[in-house]
Amino acid sequence: MTEAELTCQELVELVTEYLEDTLAAEQRSRFEAHLAECGGCRNYLEQMRQSINITSRLTEDSLPAPMRDELLALFRNWKENP
């Protein structure tokens, strides 16, 4: 692996920026080069896209109150619960 090549871990760290189209041109090129060679990362990217698609349809009112409250508590405390 050359220094210019992205690792799988680096790709995971950059996936949000990639999906939001905020990566610099050089980073995007490295990202896409890695995707071309790594089936696991292509699968990960597709899973992220599907997760965003599914969760974007959720509304606060679509969740039962106990589930909403539990999710909110988990998000509030996510750094405390590894």
N, C-alpha and C. Protein backbone atom coordinates (compact mmCIF):
# COMPACT_ATOMS: atom_id res chain seq x y z
N MET A 1 0.85 -1.18 0.00
CA MET A 1 0.00 0.00 0.00
C MET A 1 0.89 1.24 0.00
N THR A 2 0.58 2.17 -0.89
CA THR A 2 1.34 3.42 -0.93
C THR A 2 0.70 4.42 0.02
N GLU A 3 1.43 5.49 0.29
CA GLU A 3 0.92 6.51 1.21
C GLU A 3 -0.36 7.15 0.67
N ALA A 4 -0.50 7.20 -0.65
CA ALA A 4 -1.68 7.82 -1.25
C ALA A 4 -2.92 6.95 -1.13
N GLU A 5 -2.72 5.65 -0.91
CA GLU A 5 -3.87 4.75 -0.81
C GLU A 5 -4.55 4.90 0.54
N LEU A 6 -5.85 4.83 0.50
CA LEU A 6 -6.67 4.92 1.70
C LEU A 6 -6.81 3.54 2.33
N THR A 7 -6.81 3.47 3.65
CA THR A 7 -7.10 2.22 4.33
C THR A 7 -8.61 2.12 4.54
N CYS A 8 -9.09 0.95 4.88
CA CYS A 8 -10.51 0.78 5.17
C CYS A 8 -10.93 1.67 6.33
N GLN A 9 -10.11 1.77 7.36
CA GLN A 9 -10.42 2.61 8.51
C GLN A 9 -10.54 4.07 8.10
N GLU A 10 -9.64 4.54 7.26
CA GLU A 10 -9.71 5.92 6.80
C GLU A 10 -10.99 6.16 6.00
N LEU A 11 -11.36 5.18 5.17
CA LEU A 11 -12.59 5.31 4.40
C LEU A 11 -13.79 5.45 5.32
N VAL A 12 -13.86 4.62 6.34
CA VAL A 12 -14.98 4.68 7.30
C VAL A 12 -15.04 6.07 7.94
N GLU A 13 -13.89 6.63 8.27
CA GLU A 13 -13.85 7.95 8.90
C GLU A 13 -14.28 9.06 7.94
N LEU A 14 -14.18 8.83 6.64
CA LEU A 14 -14.51 9.85 5.64
C LEU A 14 -15.86 9.66 4.97
N VAL A 15 -16.56 8.59 5.29
CA VAL A 15 -17.77 8.25 4.55
C VAL A 15 -18.84 9.34 4.64
N THR A 16 -19.00 9.97 5.77
CA THR A 16 -20.02 11.02 5.89
C THR A 16 -19.69 12.19 4.97
N GLU A 17 -18.43 12.60 4.98
CA GLU A 17 -18.03 13.70 4.10
C GLU A 17 -18.22 13.32 2.63
N TYR A 18 -17.94 12.07 2.30
CA TYR A 18 -18.13 11.60 0.93
C TYR A 18 -19.60 11.69 0.53
N LEU A 19 -20.46 11.19 1.40
CA LEU A 19 -21.89 11.20 1.10
C LEU A 19 -22.46 12.61 1.06
N GLU A 20 -21.87 13.52 1.82
CA GLU A 20 -22.32 14.92 1.82
C GLU A 20 -21.62 15.73 0.73
N ASP A 21 -20.76 15.08 -0.04
CA ASP A 21 -20.03 15.71 -1.14
C ASP A 21 -19.19 16.89 -0.66
N THR A 22 -18.50 16.70 0.47
CA THR A 22 -17.65 17.76 1.01
C THR A 22 -16.17 17.39 1.03
N LEU A 23 -15.82 16.25 0.46
CA LEU A 23 -14.41 15.86 0.39
C LEU A 23 -13.69 16.70 -0.66
N ALA A 24 -12.45 17.05 -0.36
CA ALA A 24 -11.61 17.71 -1.35
C ALA A 24 -11.39 16.75 -2.51
N ALA A 25 -11.11 17.29 -3.67
CA ALA A 25 -10.97 16.48 -4.89
C ALA A 25 -9.96 15.35 -4.72
N GLU A 26 -8.82 15.62 -4.11
CA GLU A 26 -7.80 14.59 -3.92
C GLU A 26 -8.30 13.48 -3.00
N GLN A 27 -8.95 13.86 -1.90
CA GLN A 27 -9.51 12.86 -0.97
C GLN A 27 -10.58 12.03 -1.66
N ARG A 28 -11.45 12.67 -2.43
CA ARG A 28 -12.51 11.96 -3.15
C ARG A 28 -11.89 10.95 -4.11
N SER A 29 -10.85 11.35 -4.79
CA SER A 29 -10.18 10.46 -5.73
C SER A 29 -9.60 9.24 -5.01
N ARG A 30 -8.95 9.47 -3.87
CA ARG A 30 -8.40 8.36 -3.07
C ARG A 30 -9.53 7.47 -2.55
N PHE A 31 -10.61 8.08 -2.11
CA PHE A 31 -11.77 7.36 -1.60
C PHE A 31 -12.33 6.43 -2.68
N GLU A 32 -12.56 7.00 -3.86
CA GLU A 32 -13.14 6.22 -4.95
C GLU A 32 -12.19 5.16 -5.48
N ALA A 33 -10.88 5.43 -5.45
CA ALA A 33 -9.90 4.42 -5.85
C ALA A 33 -9.96 3.23 -4.89
N HIS A 34 -10.09 3.52 -3.61
CA HIS A 34 -10.20 2.44 -2.62
C HIS A 34 -11.47 1.63 -2.86
N LEU A 35 -12.58 2.32 -3.10
CA LEU A 35 -13.85 1.62 -3.37
C LEU A 35 -13.73 0.68 -4.56
N ALA A 36 -13.00 1.12 -5.57
CA ALA A 36 -12.84 0.31 -6.78
C ALA A 36 -12.16 -1.02 -6.49
N GLU A 37 -11.35 -1.06 -5.44
CA GLU A 37 -10.58 -2.26 -5.11
C GLU A 37 -11.12 -3.04 -3.91
N CYS A 38 -12.05 -2.47 -3.16
CA CYS A 38 -12.44 -3.09 -1.88
C CYS A 38 -13.95 -3.35 -1.82
N GLY A 39 -14.32 -4.60 -2.01
CA GLY A 39 -15.73 -4.98 -1.95
C GLY A 39 -16.35 -4.73 -0.59
N GLY A 40 -15.58 -4.94 0.47
CA GLY A 40 -16.10 -4.72 1.82
C GLY A 40 -16.48 -3.27 2.04
N CYS A 41 -15.67 -2.36 1.55
CA CYS A 41 -15.97 -0.93 1.71
C CYS A 41 -17.11 -0.50 0.79
N ARG A 42 -17.22 -1.12 -0.39
CA ARG A 42 -18.38 -0.83 -1.24
C ARG A 42 -19.67 -1.26 -0.54
N ASN A 43 -19.63 -2.42 0.11
CA ASN A 43 -20.80 -2.88 0.87
C ASN A 43 -21.11 -1.94 2.03
N TYR A 44 -20.07 -1.49 2.73
CA TYR A 44 -20.25 -0.56 3.84
C TYR A 44 -20.90 0.73 3.36
N LEU A 45 -20.42 1.28 2.26
CA LEU A 45 -20.97 2.50 1.71
C LEU A 45 -22.44 2.31 1.35
N GLU A 46 -22.77 1.19 0.74
CA GLU A 46 -24.16 0.92 0.37
C GLU A 46 -25.04 0.78 1.62
N GLN A 47 -24.52 0.14 2.66
CA GLN A 47 -25.27 0.02 3.91
C GLN A 47 -25.52 1.40 4.52
N MET A 48 -24.54 2.27 4.46
CA MET A 48 -24.71 3.64 4.98
C MET A 48 -25.78 4.37 4.17
N ARG A 49 -25.74 4.24 2.86
CA ARG A 49 -26.75 4.90 2.02
C ARG A 49 -28.15 4.39 2.36
N GLN A 50 -28.28 3.07 2.53
CA GLN A 50 -29.59 2.50 2.87
C GLN A 50 -30.05 2.95 4.25
N SER A 51 -29.13 3.01 5.20
CA SER A 51 -29.48 3.46 6.55
C SER A 51 -29.98 4.90 6.53
N ILE A 52 -29.30 5.75 5.79
CA ILE A 52 -29.71 7.15 5.68
C ILE A 52 -31.08 7.24 5.03
N ASN A 53 -31.28 6.47 3.99
CA ASN A 53 -32.57 6.47 3.29
C ASN A 53 -33.70 6.04 4.22
N ILE A 54 -33.49 4.98 4.95
CA ILE A 54 -34.54 4.45 5.84
C ILE A 54 -34.80 5.40 7.00
N THR A 55 -33.74 5.87 7.65
CA THR A 55 -33.94 6.72 8.81
C THR A 55 -34.45 8.10 8.43
N SER A 56 -34.21 8.53 7.21
CA SER A 56 -34.71 9.85 6.81
C SER A 56 -36.23 9.87 6.71
N ARG A 57 -36.84 8.71 6.65
CA ARG A 57 -38.30 8.63 6.58
C ARG A 57 -38.95 8.64 7.96
N LEU A 58 -38.15 8.47 9.00
CA LEU A 58 -38.70 8.47 10.36
C LEU A 58 -39.03 9.88 10.81
N THR A 59 -40.11 9.98 11.52
CA THR A 59 -40.45 11.24 12.17
C THR A 59 -40.60 10.97 13.65
N GLU A 60 -40.56 11.99 14.43
CA GLU A 60 -40.73 11.83 15.88
C GLU A 60 -42.08 11.17 16.19
N ASP A 61 -43.10 11.54 15.45
CA ASP A 61 -44.43 11.00 15.69
C ASP A 61 -44.58 9.55 15.23
N SER A 62 -43.67 9.07 14.38
CA SER A 62 -43.79 7.69 13.90
C SER A 62 -43.25 6.67 14.90
N LEU A 63 -42.58 7.13 15.95
CA LEU A 63 -42.04 6.23 16.95
C LEU A 63 -42.95 6.21 18.19
N PRO A 64 -43.18 5.03 18.75
CA PRO A 64 -43.91 4.98 20.02
C PRO A 64 -43.11 5.75 21.09
N ALA A 65 -43.79 6.42 21.96
CA ALA A 65 -43.15 7.27 22.97
C ALA A 65 -42.05 6.55 23.76
N PRO A 66 -42.27 5.30 24.23
CA PRO A 66 -41.19 4.64 24.98
C PRO A 66 -39.93 4.43 24.13
N MET A 67 -40.11 4.10 22.86
CA MET A 67 -38.96 3.89 21.98
C MET A 67 -38.24 5.21 21.74
N ARG A 68 -39.00 6.26 21.49
CA ARG A 68 -38.41 7.58 21.27
C ARG A 68 -37.60 8.01 22.49
N ASP A 69 -38.17 7.82 23.68
CA ASP A 69 -37.49 8.22 24.90
C ASP A 69 -36.21 7.41 25.11
N GLU A 70 -36.26 6.12 24.81
CA GLU A 70 -35.07 5.27 24.95
C GLU A 70 -33.98 5.70 23.97
N LEU A 71 -34.37 5.97 22.73
CA LEU A 71 -33.39 6.43 21.73
C LEU A 71 -32.76 7.76 22.13
N LEU A 72 -33.57 8.67 22.60
CA LEU A 72 -33.04 9.96 23.03
C LEU A 72 -32.06 9.80 24.19
N ALA A 73 -32.38 8.92 25.13
CA ALA A 73 -31.48 8.67 26.25
C ALA A 73 -30.17 8.06 25.76
N LEU A 74 -30.24 7.14 24.82
CA LEU A 74 -29.03 6.52 24.27
C LEU A 74 -28.16 7.56 23.58
N PHE A 75 -28.76 8.43 22.79
CA PHE A 75 -27.99 9.46 22.10
C PHE A 75 -27.37 10.45 23.08
N ARG A 76 -28.11 10.79 24.11
CA ARG A 76 -27.56 11.73 25.10
C ARG A 76 -26.34 11.14 25.81
N ASN A 77 -26.35 9.83 26.01
CA ASN A 77 -25.30 9.18 26.80
C ASN A 77 -24.34 8.35 25.96
N TRP A 78 -24.31 8.54 24.66
CA TRP A 78 -23.53 7.65 23.81
C TRP A 78 -22.03 7.65 24.14
N LYS A 79 -21.49 8.75 24.59
CA LYS A 79 -20.07 8.77 24.92
C LYS A 79 -19.77 8.02 26.21
N GLU A 80 -20.75 7.91 27.07
CA GLU A 80 -20.57 7.22 28.34
C GLU A 80 -20.73 5.71 28.21
N ASN A 81 -21.40 5.26 27.14
CA ASN A 81 -21.66 3.83 26.95
C ASN A 81 -20.95 3.36 25.69
N PRO A 82 -19.72 2.88 25.81
CA PRO A 82 -18.98 2.46 24.62
C PRO A 82 -19.58 1.27 23.93
